[in-house]
Amino acid sequence: MTMLSSVAAVAAVFATGAAPAGQDGDLDGFDDAADNCAVVYNPDQRDDDRDGLGNTCDSSPGVLPVRDSFLILYLRDQDGRPIGAGPSAPCFEHTNYEFDQVKRSPEVTCPHETGWVQFLITEASGLTRQEIVQLSPPPGCIGGLAGTLAHAYEAGSWKTMELRYTCGTPPPPPPPPPPPPPPPPPPP
């Protein structure tokens, strides 16, 4: 779904009141009737320009402060549900750079809220980019961020990326093959 079609779909929901009470179509934890991006997963619900559309589905989010650069990782399981915070969440390590020089030692960031984690570069920090790696998936899950993700400083930017995890008890291994038949009896 493109950004424009997402915005149009959200506008249609708000204009027609078409969202039944208690329904959460995008599984972000907010009923569609109150969700500021009813058709786009955004458990953070940020709306910096206060126009009623969340930053994630707003073509002009008006990110505040305008000198900051945000990267939001949305964390979901295979069924689209948000991955929890705390010990059940994946953690990430990010290294901050000023051009090609490491500016600060790597830092570990774990989600404080269910379903998302934020990375921020401020103009005042002098950082030009962050390199982000996933330390491990949530317990009992596989997937998420593979490799290194670069988040470059871009004043006033709001970027999102969805990470999917496959969680649950893995299926049991197949049973072992049956033993070979006994050898034939010796000839008389």
N, C-alpha and C. Protein backbone atom coordinates (compact mmCIF):
# COMPACT_ATOMS: atom_id res chain seq x y z
N MET A 1 0.85 -1.18 0.00
CA MET A 1 0.00 0.00 0.00
C MET A 1 0.89 1.23 0.00
N THR A 2 0.63 2.17 -0.88
CA THR A 2 1.44 3.38 -0.95
C THR A 2 1.02 4.34 0.15
N MET A 3 1.90 5.32 0.40
CA MET A 3 1.61 6.33 1.42
C MET A 3 0.32 7.06 1.06
N LEU A 4 0.13 7.45 -0.20
CA LEU A 4 -1.07 8.19 -0.59
C LEU A 4 -2.32 7.36 -0.44
N SER A 5 -2.28 6.08 -0.82
CA SER A 5 -3.47 5.25 -0.66
C SER A 5 -3.76 5.01 0.81
N SER A 6 -2.71 4.94 1.64
CA SER A 6 -2.91 4.78 3.09
C SER A 6 -3.60 6.01 3.65
N VAL A 7 -3.13 7.21 3.25
CA VAL A 7 -3.73 8.45 3.72
C VAL A 7 -5.18 8.53 3.26
N ALA A 8 -5.45 8.18 2.01
CA ALA A 8 -6.81 8.21 1.49
C ALA A 8 -7.71 7.25 2.26
N ALA A 9 -7.21 6.06 2.56
CA ALA A 9 -8.00 5.08 3.30
C ALA A 9 -8.30 5.58 4.70
N VAL A 10 -7.31 6.20 5.34
CA VAL A 10 -7.53 6.74 6.68
C VAL A 10 -8.56 7.86 6.61
N ALA A 11 -8.42 8.75 5.63
CA ALA A 11 -9.37 9.85 5.49
C ALA A 11 -10.79 9.31 5.28
N ALA A 12 -10.94 8.25 4.50
CA ALA A 12 -12.25 7.66 4.26
C ALA A 12 -12.86 7.12 5.54
N VAL A 13 -12.04 6.49 6.37
CA VAL A 13 -12.54 5.96 7.64
C VAL A 13 -13.01 7.10 8.53
N PHE A 14 -12.21 8.18 8.62
CA PHE A 14 -12.60 9.30 9.46
C PHE A 14 -13.83 10.00 8.90
N ALA A 15 -13.91 10.17 7.59
CA ALA A 15 -15.01 10.89 6.97
C ALA A 15 -16.33 10.14 7.08
N THR A 16 -16.30 8.84 6.93
CA THR A 16 -17.54 8.07 6.91
C THR A 16 -17.89 7.47 8.26
N GLY A 17 -16.94 7.47 9.18
CA GLY A 17 -17.18 6.81 10.45
C GLY A 17 -17.37 5.32 10.27
N ALA A 18 -16.72 4.74 9.25
CA ALA A 18 -16.95 3.35 8.87
C ALA A 18 -16.36 2.32 9.81
N ALA A 19 -15.54 2.73 10.73
CA ALA A 19 -14.89 1.75 11.59
C ALA A 19 -15.82 1.34 12.73
N PRO A 20 -16.17 0.06 12.80
CA PRO A 20 -17.01 -0.39 13.90
C PRO A 20 -16.28 -0.25 15.23
N ALA A 21 -17.02 0.08 16.27
CA ALA A 21 -16.43 0.22 17.60
C ALA A 21 -15.78 -1.08 18.03
N GLY A 22 -14.62 -0.97 18.62
CA GLY A 22 -13.93 -2.14 19.14
C GLY A 22 -13.10 -2.89 18.12
N GLN A 23 -13.09 -2.46 16.86
CA GLN A 23 -12.30 -3.13 15.83
C GLN A 23 -10.93 -2.48 15.73
N ASP A 24 -9.89 -3.30 15.61
CA ASP A 24 -8.52 -2.82 15.45
C ASP A 24 -7.94 -3.51 14.22
N GLY A 25 -8.27 -3.01 13.04
CA GLY A 25 -7.89 -3.65 11.79
C GLY A 25 -6.40 -3.78 11.56
N ASP A 26 -5.61 -2.82 12.06
CA ASP A 26 -4.16 -2.89 11.83
C ASP A 26 -3.41 -3.52 13.00
N LEU A 27 -4.14 -3.95 14.03
CA LEU A 27 -3.59 -4.67 15.19
C LEU A 27 -2.54 -3.88 15.96
N ASP A 28 -2.65 -2.54 15.98
CA ASP A 28 -1.65 -1.76 16.71
C ASP A 28 -2.06 -1.45 18.15
N GLY A 29 -3.22 -1.98 18.57
CA GLY A 29 -3.64 -1.78 19.95
C GLY A 29 -4.60 -0.62 20.14
N PHE A 30 -5.02 0.04 19.05
CA PHE A 30 -5.94 1.16 19.12
C PHE A 30 -7.15 0.86 18.26
N ASP A 31 -8.36 1.04 18.84
CA ASP A 31 -9.59 0.84 18.07
C ASP A 31 -9.56 1.75 16.85
N ASP A 32 -10.04 1.23 15.72
CA ASP A 32 -10.03 2.00 14.48
C ASP A 32 -10.71 3.36 14.62
N ALA A 33 -11.76 3.43 15.42
CA ALA A 33 -12.49 4.69 15.58
C ALA A 33 -11.63 5.77 16.23
N ALA A 34 -10.62 5.38 17.01
CA ALA A 34 -9.76 6.35 17.70
C ALA A 34 -8.33 6.35 17.17
N ASP A 35 -8.02 5.44 16.25
CA ASP A 35 -6.65 5.28 15.73
C ASP A 35 -6.35 6.38 14.72
N ASN A 36 -5.22 7.08 14.89
CA ASN A 36 -4.89 8.16 13.96
C ASN A 36 -4.27 7.67 12.65
N CYS A 37 -4.09 6.37 12.51
CA CYS A 37 -3.68 5.72 11.25
C CYS A 37 -4.40 4.38 11.23
N ALA A 38 -5.69 4.39 11.01
CA ALA A 38 -6.51 3.19 11.20
C ALA A 38 -6.14 2.02 10.31
N VAL A 39 -5.54 2.27 9.15
CA VAL A 39 -5.19 1.17 8.25
C VAL A 39 -3.69 0.91 8.20
N VAL A 40 -2.92 1.64 8.99
CA VAL A 40 -1.46 1.47 9.02
C VAL A 40 -1.03 1.25 10.46
N TYR A 41 -0.30 0.17 10.69
CA TYR A 41 0.20 -0.17 12.03
C TYR A 41 1.07 0.97 12.56
N ASN A 42 0.69 1.56 13.69
CA ASN A 42 1.49 2.61 14.33
C ASN A 42 1.16 2.67 15.82
N PRO A 43 1.69 1.74 16.61
CA PRO A 43 1.37 1.74 18.04
C PRO A 43 1.91 2.96 18.78
N ASP A 44 2.79 3.74 18.17
CA ASP A 44 3.29 4.96 18.82
C ASP A 44 2.28 6.09 18.78
N GLN A 45 1.40 6.13 17.76
CA GLN A 45 0.34 7.13 17.61
C GLN A 45 0.86 8.58 17.57
N ARG A 46 2.12 8.79 17.22
CA ARG A 46 2.68 10.15 17.14
C ARG A 46 1.97 10.94 16.05
N ASP A 47 1.62 12.18 16.36
CA ASP A 47 1.00 13.10 15.41
C ASP A 47 1.58 14.49 15.68
N ASP A 48 2.79 14.73 15.22
CA ASP A 48 3.51 15.95 15.56
C ASP A 48 2.84 17.22 15.04
N ASP A 49 2.18 17.17 13.88
CA ASP A 49 1.53 18.39 13.38
C ASP A 49 0.08 18.51 13.84
N ARG A 50 -0.37 17.57 14.66
CA ARG A 50 -1.70 17.60 15.29
C ARG A 50 -2.84 17.79 14.29
N ASP A 51 -2.71 17.12 13.13
CA ASP A 51 -3.76 17.23 12.12
C ASP A 51 -4.71 16.04 12.14
N GLY A 52 -4.54 15.14 13.10
CA GLY A 52 -5.41 13.98 13.21
C GLY A 52 -4.88 12.74 12.51
N LEU A 53 -3.85 12.90 11.67
CA LEU A 53 -3.21 11.76 11.01
C LEU A 53 -1.87 11.50 11.69
N GLY A 54 -1.64 10.27 12.09
CA GLY A 54 -0.37 9.92 12.71
C GLY A 54 0.79 10.11 11.76
N ASN A 55 1.96 10.39 12.31
CA ASN A 55 3.15 10.62 11.48
C ASN A 55 3.38 9.51 10.45
N THR A 56 3.09 8.27 10.83
CA THR A 56 3.40 7.14 9.98
C THR A 56 2.60 7.13 8.69
N CYS A 57 1.38 7.66 8.69
CA CYS A 57 0.58 7.66 7.46
C CYS A 57 0.32 9.07 6.94
N ASP A 58 0.98 10.06 7.49
CA ASP A 58 0.81 11.45 7.09
C ASP A 58 1.88 11.82 6.06
N SER A 59 1.46 12.29 4.89
CA SER A 59 2.44 12.65 3.85
C SER A 59 3.26 13.88 4.24
N SER A 60 2.78 14.66 5.22
CA SER A 60 3.55 15.80 5.74
C SER A 60 3.43 15.78 7.26
N PRO A 61 4.23 14.92 7.94
CA PRO A 61 4.05 14.71 9.37
C PRO A 61 4.41 15.89 10.25
N GLY A 62 5.17 16.87 9.75
CA GLY A 62 5.53 18.02 10.58
C GLY A 62 6.29 17.60 11.82
N VAL A 63 7.30 16.75 11.65
CA VAL A 63 8.05 16.20 12.77
C VAL A 63 8.62 17.32 13.63
N LEU A 64 8.40 17.20 14.94
CA LEU A 64 8.92 18.18 15.89
C LEU A 64 9.88 17.49 16.85
N PRO A 65 10.98 18.11 17.22
CA PRO A 65 11.48 19.33 16.62
C PRO A 65 11.97 19.07 15.19
N VAL A 66 11.90 20.12 14.35
CA VAL A 66 12.18 19.96 12.93
C VAL A 66 13.63 19.63 12.63
N ARG A 67 14.49 19.72 13.60
CA ARG A 67 15.91 19.41 13.37
C ARG A 67 16.26 17.97 13.74
N ASP A 68 15.28 17.20 14.16
CA ASP A 68 15.54 15.83 14.58
C ASP A 68 15.24 14.85 13.45
N SER A 69 15.85 13.68 13.56
CA SER A 69 15.70 12.62 12.56
C SER A 69 15.30 11.35 13.29
N PHE A 70 14.09 10.87 13.03
CA PHE A 70 13.55 9.71 13.73
C PHE A 70 13.55 8.48 12.83
N LEU A 71 13.86 7.34 13.42
CA LEU A 71 13.67 6.03 12.79
C LEU A 71 12.90 5.19 13.80
N ILE A 72 11.74 4.70 13.40
CA ILE A 72 10.90 3.88 14.26
C ILE A 72 10.87 2.47 13.69
N LEU A 73 11.22 1.49 14.51
CA LEU A 73 11.11 0.09 14.11
C LEU A 73 9.84 -0.47 14.72
N TYR A 74 8.92 -0.91 13.88
CA TYR A 74 7.69 -1.53 14.34
C TYR A 74 7.92 -3.03 14.41
N LEU A 75 7.63 -3.62 15.56
CA LEU A 75 7.95 -5.02 15.86
C LEU A 75 6.66 -5.84 15.91
N ARG A 76 6.52 -6.82 14.98
CA ARG A 76 5.29 -7.60 14.91
C ARG A 76 5.61 -9.08 14.78
N ASP A 77 4.65 -9.90 15.24
CA ASP A 77 4.82 -11.34 15.07
C ASP A 77 4.23 -11.76 13.72
N GLN A 78 4.25 -13.05 13.47
CA GLN A 78 3.80 -13.57 12.17
C GLN A 78 2.31 -13.32 11.91
N ASP A 79 1.54 -13.06 12.96
CA ASP A 79 0.11 -12.79 12.80
C ASP A 79 -0.20 -11.29 12.79
N GLY A 80 0.85 -10.45 12.83
CA GLY A 80 0.65 -9.01 12.81
C GLY A 80 0.50 -8.37 14.17
N ARG A 81 0.52 -9.16 15.23
CA ARG A 81 0.37 -8.61 16.57
C ARG A 81 1.68 -7.96 17.02
N PRO A 82 1.59 -6.92 17.87
CA PRO A 82 2.82 -6.27 18.34
C PRO A 82 3.62 -7.18 19.27
N ILE A 83 4.94 -7.09 19.16
CA ILE A 83 5.85 -7.79 20.07
C ILE A 83 5.95 -6.96 21.34
N GLY A 84 5.87 -7.60 22.49
CA GLY A 84 5.88 -6.91 23.77
C GLY A 84 7.18 -6.22 24.11
N ALA A 85 7.13 -5.39 25.14
CA ALA A 85 8.31 -4.71 25.66
C ALA A 85 8.90 -5.55 26.79
N GLY A 86 10.01 -5.11 27.34
CA GLY A 86 10.64 -5.80 28.47
C GLY A 86 11.38 -7.04 28.05
N PRO A 87 11.39 -8.06 28.91
CA PRO A 87 12.19 -9.25 28.62
C PRO A 87 11.73 -10.03 27.40
N SER A 88 10.51 -9.79 26.92
CA SER A 88 10.03 -10.53 25.75
C SER A 88 10.33 -9.79 24.45
N ALA A 89 11.08 -8.71 24.52
CA ALA A 89 11.34 -7.89 23.33
C ALA A 89 12.76 -8.10 22.80
N PRO A 90 12.94 -7.86 21.51
CA PRO A 90 14.29 -7.88 20.96
C PRO A 90 15.02 -6.61 21.39
N CYS A 91 16.33 -6.69 21.51
CA CYS A 91 17.13 -5.51 21.81
C CYS A 91 18.07 -5.25 20.64
N PHE A 92 18.45 -4.00 20.51
CA PHE A 92 19.28 -3.56 19.39
C PHE A 92 20.48 -2.81 19.93
N GLU A 93 21.57 -2.90 19.20
CA GLU A 93 22.76 -2.12 19.53
C GLU A 93 22.94 -1.10 18.42
N HIS A 94 23.15 0.15 18.82
CA HIS A 94 23.40 1.17 17.80
C HIS A 94 24.70 1.89 18.10
N THR A 95 25.44 2.11 17.02
CA THR A 95 26.70 2.84 17.10
C THR A 95 26.49 4.18 16.42
N ASN A 96 26.90 5.24 17.09
CA ASN A 96 26.70 6.60 16.59
C ASN A 96 27.96 7.12 15.93
N TYR A 97 27.80 7.70 14.75
CA TYR A 97 28.93 8.18 13.96
C TYR A 97 28.80 9.67 13.66
N GLU A 98 29.94 10.33 13.63
CA GLU A 98 30.06 11.66 13.07
C GLU A 98 30.96 11.48 11.86
N PHE A 99 30.36 11.50 10.70
CA PHE A 99 31.02 11.13 9.45
C PHE A 99 31.56 9.71 9.59
N ASP A 100 32.86 9.47 9.49
CA ASP A 100 33.37 8.10 9.58
C ASP A 100 33.95 7.76 10.94
N GLN A 101 33.81 8.63 11.91
CA GLN A 101 34.37 8.41 13.23
C GLN A 101 33.27 8.01 14.21
N VAL A 102 33.56 6.98 15.02
CA VAL A 102 32.61 6.60 16.07
C VAL A 102 32.57 7.73 17.08
N LYS A 103 31.39 8.26 17.34
CA LYS A 103 31.24 9.41 18.25
C LYS A 103 31.06 8.94 19.70
N ARG A 104 30.33 7.86 19.88
CA ARG A 104 30.10 7.30 21.23
C ARG A 104 30.18 5.80 21.14
N SER A 105 30.46 5.19 22.28
CA SER A 105 30.49 3.72 22.33
C SER A 105 29.12 3.18 21.96
N PRO A 106 29.07 1.96 21.43
CA PRO A 106 27.77 1.38 21.09
C PRO A 106 26.83 1.36 22.30
N GLU A 107 25.57 1.61 22.04
CA GLU A 107 24.54 1.62 23.08
C GLU A 107 23.50 0.56 22.76
N VAL A 108 22.92 -0.01 23.81
CA VAL A 108 21.86 -1.00 23.65
C VAL A 108 20.51 -0.32 23.89
N THR A 109 19.57 -0.55 22.98
CA THR A 109 18.23 0.00 23.08
C THR A 109 17.23 -1.14 23.00
N CYS A 110 16.36 -1.20 24.00
CA CYS A 110 15.29 -2.20 24.04
C CYS A 110 13.95 -1.44 24.07
N PRO A 111 12.90 -1.99 23.50
CA PRO A 111 11.61 -1.29 23.50
C PRO A 111 11.10 -1.03 24.91
N HIS A 112 10.62 0.20 25.12
CA HIS A 112 9.96 0.55 26.38
C HIS A 112 8.45 0.46 26.24
N GLU A 113 7.99 0.42 25.00
CA GLU A 113 6.56 0.34 24.69
C GLU A 113 6.33 -0.89 23.82
N THR A 114 5.18 -1.50 23.96
CA THR A 114 4.85 -2.67 23.15
C THR A 114 4.76 -2.29 21.68
N GLY A 115 5.46 -3.05 20.83
CA GLY A 115 5.30 -2.94 19.39
C GLY A 115 6.23 -2.00 18.66
N TRP A 116 7.09 -1.24 19.37
CA TRP A 116 7.95 -0.31 18.64
C TRP A 116 9.14 0.12 19.48
N VAL A 117 10.18 0.55 18.75
CA VAL A 117 11.37 1.12 19.38
C VAL A 117 11.83 2.28 18.50
N GLN A 118 12.31 3.33 19.15
CA GLN A 118 12.67 4.56 18.43
C GLN A 118 14.17 4.80 18.47
N PHE A 119 14.70 5.26 17.35
CA PHE A 119 16.09 5.73 17.27
C PHE A 119 16.02 7.18 16.83
N LEU A 120 16.83 8.03 17.46
CA LEU A 120 16.75 9.47 17.23
C LEU A 120 18.15 10.03 17.04
N ILE A 121 18.28 10.91 16.05
CA ILE A 121 19.50 11.70 15.89
C ILE A 121 19.07 13.16 15.93
N THR A 122 19.64 13.93 16.85
CA THR A 122 19.34 15.35 16.92
C THR A 122 20.44 16.14 16.21
N GLU A 123 20.06 17.31 15.72
CA GLU A 123 21.06 18.17 15.07
C GLU A 123 22.17 18.53 16.06
N ALA A 124 21.80 18.82 17.30
CA ALA A 124 22.78 19.24 18.31
C ALA A 124 23.81 18.16 18.61
N SER A 125 23.47 16.90 18.38
CA SER A 125 24.41 15.81 18.69
C SER A 125 25.61 15.80 17.77
N GLY A 126 25.47 16.37 16.58
CA GLY A 126 26.55 16.34 15.61
C GLY A 126 26.69 15.00 14.90
N LEU A 127 25.78 14.06 15.19
CA LEU A 127 25.86 12.75 14.55
C LEU A 127 25.40 12.84 13.10
N THR A 128 26.00 12.02 12.26
CA THR A 128 25.58 11.97 10.86
C THR A 128 24.86 10.67 10.54
N ARG A 129 25.07 9.64 11.37
CA ARG A 129 24.35 8.38 11.14
C ARG A 129 24.47 7.48 12.37
N GLN A 130 23.59 6.50 12.40
CA GLN A 130 23.64 5.40 13.37
C GLN A 130 23.65 4.11 12.58
N GLU A 131 24.38 3.13 13.09
CA GLU A 131 24.32 1.79 12.54
C GLU A 131 23.68 0.90 13.59
N ILE A 132 22.62 0.21 13.20
CA ILE A 132 21.80 -0.55 14.14
C ILE A 132 21.86 -2.03 13.79
N VAL A 133 22.08 -2.86 14.80
CA VAL A 133 22.04 -4.32 14.63
C VAL A 133 21.14 -4.90 15.71
N GLN A 134 20.46 -5.97 15.38
CA GLN A 134 19.64 -6.68 16.36
C GLN A 134 20.54 -7.62 17.14
N LEU A 135 20.47 -7.57 18.47
CA LEU A 135 21.29 -8.46 19.28
C LEU A 135 20.73 -9.87 19.30
N SER A 136 19.41 -9.98 19.41
CA SER A 136 18.76 -11.30 19.37
C SER A 136 17.27 -11.08 19.19
N PRO A 137 16.57 -12.06 18.64
CA PRO A 137 15.12 -11.94 18.52
C PRO A 137 14.48 -12.17 19.90
N PRO A 138 13.19 -11.89 20.03
CA PRO A 138 12.51 -12.19 21.29
C PRO A 138 12.61 -13.68 21.60
N PRO A 139 12.55 -14.06 22.88
CA PRO A 139 12.59 -15.49 23.23
C PRO A 139 11.51 -16.26 22.48
N GLY A 140 11.90 -17.40 21.92
CA GLY A 140 10.95 -18.25 21.20
C GLY A 140 10.62 -17.77 19.80
N CYS A 141 11.36 -16.78 19.30
CA CYS A 141 11.08 -16.22 17.97
C CYS A 141 12.32 -16.27 17.10
N ILE A 142 12.09 -16.18 15.81
CA ILE A 142 13.17 -16.02 14.86
C ILE A 142 12.81 -14.86 13.95
N GLY A 143 13.80 -14.30 13.27
CA GLY A 143 13.53 -13.23 12.32
C GLY A 143 13.92 -11.87 12.85
N GLY A 144 13.30 -10.84 12.27
CA GLY A 144 13.61 -9.47 12.65
C GLY A 144 14.64 -8.85 11.73
N LEU A 145 15.53 -8.08 12.31
CA LEU A 145 16.53 -7.34 11.55
C LEU A 145 17.72 -8.24 11.25
N ALA A 146 18.01 -8.40 9.98
CA ALA A 146 19.18 -9.18 9.55
C ALA A 146 20.23 -8.19 9.06
N GLY A 147 21.44 -8.33 9.55
CA GLY A 147 22.51 -7.44 9.11
C GLY A 147 22.46 -6.11 9.84
N THR A 148 23.06 -5.10 9.21
CA THR A 148 23.18 -3.76 9.80
C THR A 148 22.26 -2.80 9.06
N LEU A 149 21.52 -2.01 9.83
CA LEU A 149 20.63 -0.99 9.28
C LEU A 149 21.26 0.37 9.52
N ALA A 150 21.43 1.17 8.48
CA ALA A 150 21.98 2.51 8.62
C ALA A 150 20.84 3.52 8.71
N HIS A 151 20.92 4.38 9.73
CA HIS A 151 19.96 5.48 9.90
C HIS A 151 20.76 6.77 9.74
N ALA A 152 20.61 7.43 8.60
CA ALA A 152 21.34 8.66 8.32
C ALA A 152 20.55 9.86 8.84
N TYR A 153 21.27 10.87 9.35
CA TYR A 153 20.63 12.09 9.81
C TYR A 153 19.99 12.82 8.64
N GLU A 154 18.72 13.16 8.80
CA GLU A 154 17.99 13.95 7.82
C GLU A 154 17.01 14.80 8.61
N ALA A 155 17.27 16.10 8.70
CA ALA A 155 16.47 17.00 9.54
C ALA A 155 14.98 16.86 9.23
N GLY A 156 14.18 16.70 10.27
CA GLY A 156 12.73 16.64 10.14
C GLY A 156 12.19 15.35 9.56
N SER A 157 13.00 14.29 9.55
CA SER A 157 12.51 13.05 8.93
C SER A 157 11.85 12.12 9.95
N TRP A 158 10.87 11.39 9.46
CA TRP A 158 10.15 10.37 10.23
C TRP A 158 10.10 9.14 9.34
N LYS A 159 10.95 8.17 9.64
CA LYS A 159 11.00 6.95 8.83
C LYS A 159 10.60 5.77 9.70
N THR A 160 9.90 4.83 9.08
CA THR A 160 9.50 3.63 9.81
C THR A 160 9.94 2.40 9.03
N MET A 161 10.12 1.32 9.78
CA MET A 161 10.45 0.04 9.17
C MET A 161 9.77 -1.03 10.01
N GLU A 162 9.10 -1.96 9.36
CA GLU A 162 8.43 -3.04 10.07
C GLU A 162 9.34 -4.26 10.10
N LEU A 163 9.53 -4.80 11.30
CA LEU A 163 10.28 -6.04 11.47
C LEU A 163 9.29 -7.13 11.86
N ARG A 164 9.35 -8.26 11.19
CA ARG A 164 8.47 -9.39 11.48
C ARG A 164 9.26 -10.52 12.12
N TYR A 165 8.62 -11.14 13.09
CA TYR A 165 9.21 -12.28 13.80
C TYR A 165 8.25 -13.45 13.71
N THR A 166 8.79 -14.64 13.61
CA THR A 166 7.99 -15.86 13.68
C THR A 166 8.19 -16.41 15.08
N CYS A 167 7.09 -16.46 15.83
CA CYS A 167 7.17 -16.83 17.24
C CYS A 167 6.30 -18.05 17.51
N GLY A 168 6.62 -18.73 18.56
CA GLY A 168 5.83 -19.88 18.98
C GLY A 168 6.70 -21.09 19.14
N THR A 169 6.07 -22.13 19.59
CA THR A 169 6.79 -23.39 19.79
C THR A 169 7.05 -24.01 18.43
N PRO A 170 8.31 -24.32 18.15
CA PRO A 170 8.56 -24.95 16.86
C PRO A 170 7.90 -26.32 16.81
N PRO A 171 7.54 -26.77 15.63
CA PRO A 171 6.91 -28.10 15.54
C PRO A 171 7.90 -29.16 15.99
N PRO A 172 7.38 -30.23 16.56
CA PRO A 172 8.30 -31.28 17.01
C PRO A 172 9.03 -31.89 15.82
N PRO A 173 10.22 -32.41 16.07
CA PRO A 173 10.94 -33.04 14.96
C PRO A 173 10.19 -34.29 14.50
N PRO A 174 10.42 -34.71 13.27
CA PRO A 174 9.74 -35.92 12.80
C PRO A 174 10.24 -37.12 13.60
N PRO A 175 9.41 -38.15 13.69
CA PRO A 175 9.84 -39.33 14.45
C PRO A 175 11.03 -39.98 13.74
N PRO A 176 11.84 -40.69 14.51
CA PRO A 176 12.98 -41.36 13.87
C PRO A 176 12.48 -42.46 12.94
N PRO A 177 13.30 -42.83 11.97
CA PRO A 177 12.86 -43.91 11.07
C PRO A 177 12.78 -45.22 11.84
N PRO A 178 11.94 -46.14 11.35
CA PRO A 178 11.83 -47.43 12.06
C PRO A 178 13.16 -48.19 11.94
N PRO A 179 13.40 -49.07 12.90
CA PRO A 179 14.65 -49.84 12.83
C PRO A 179 14.62 -50.77 11.62
N PRO A 180 15.78 -51.16 11.13
CA PRO A 180 15.80 -52.08 9.98
C PRO A 180 15.23 -53.43 10.39
N PRO A 181 14.72 -54.18 9.42
CA PRO A 181 14.17 -55.51 9.77
C PRO A 181 15.31 -56.42 10.23
N PRO A 182 14.95 -57.43 11.01
CA PRO A 182 16.00 -58.34 11.48
C PRO A 182 16.59 -59.11 10.28
N PRO A 183 17.81 -59.57 10.40
CA PRO A 183 18.40 -60.34 9.30
C PRO A 183 17.65 -61.66 9.13
N PRO A 184 17.70 -62.23 7.93
CA PRO A 184 17.01 -63.51 7.72
C PRO A 184 17.71 -64.60 8.54
N PRO A 185 16.97 -65.63 8.90
CA PRO A 185 17.60 -66.71 9.67
C PRO A 185 18.67 -67.42 8.81
N PRO A 186 19.66 -68.00 9.43
CA PRO A 186 20.69 -68.71 8.65
C PRO A 186 20.10 -69.94 7.97
N PRO A 187 20.66 -70.36 6.84
CA PRO A 187 20.12 -71.54 6.15
C PRO A 187 20.37 -72.81 6.99
N PRO A 188 19.54 -73.81 6.87
CA PRO A 188 19.72 -75.05 7.66
C PRO A 188 20.85 -75.92 7.22
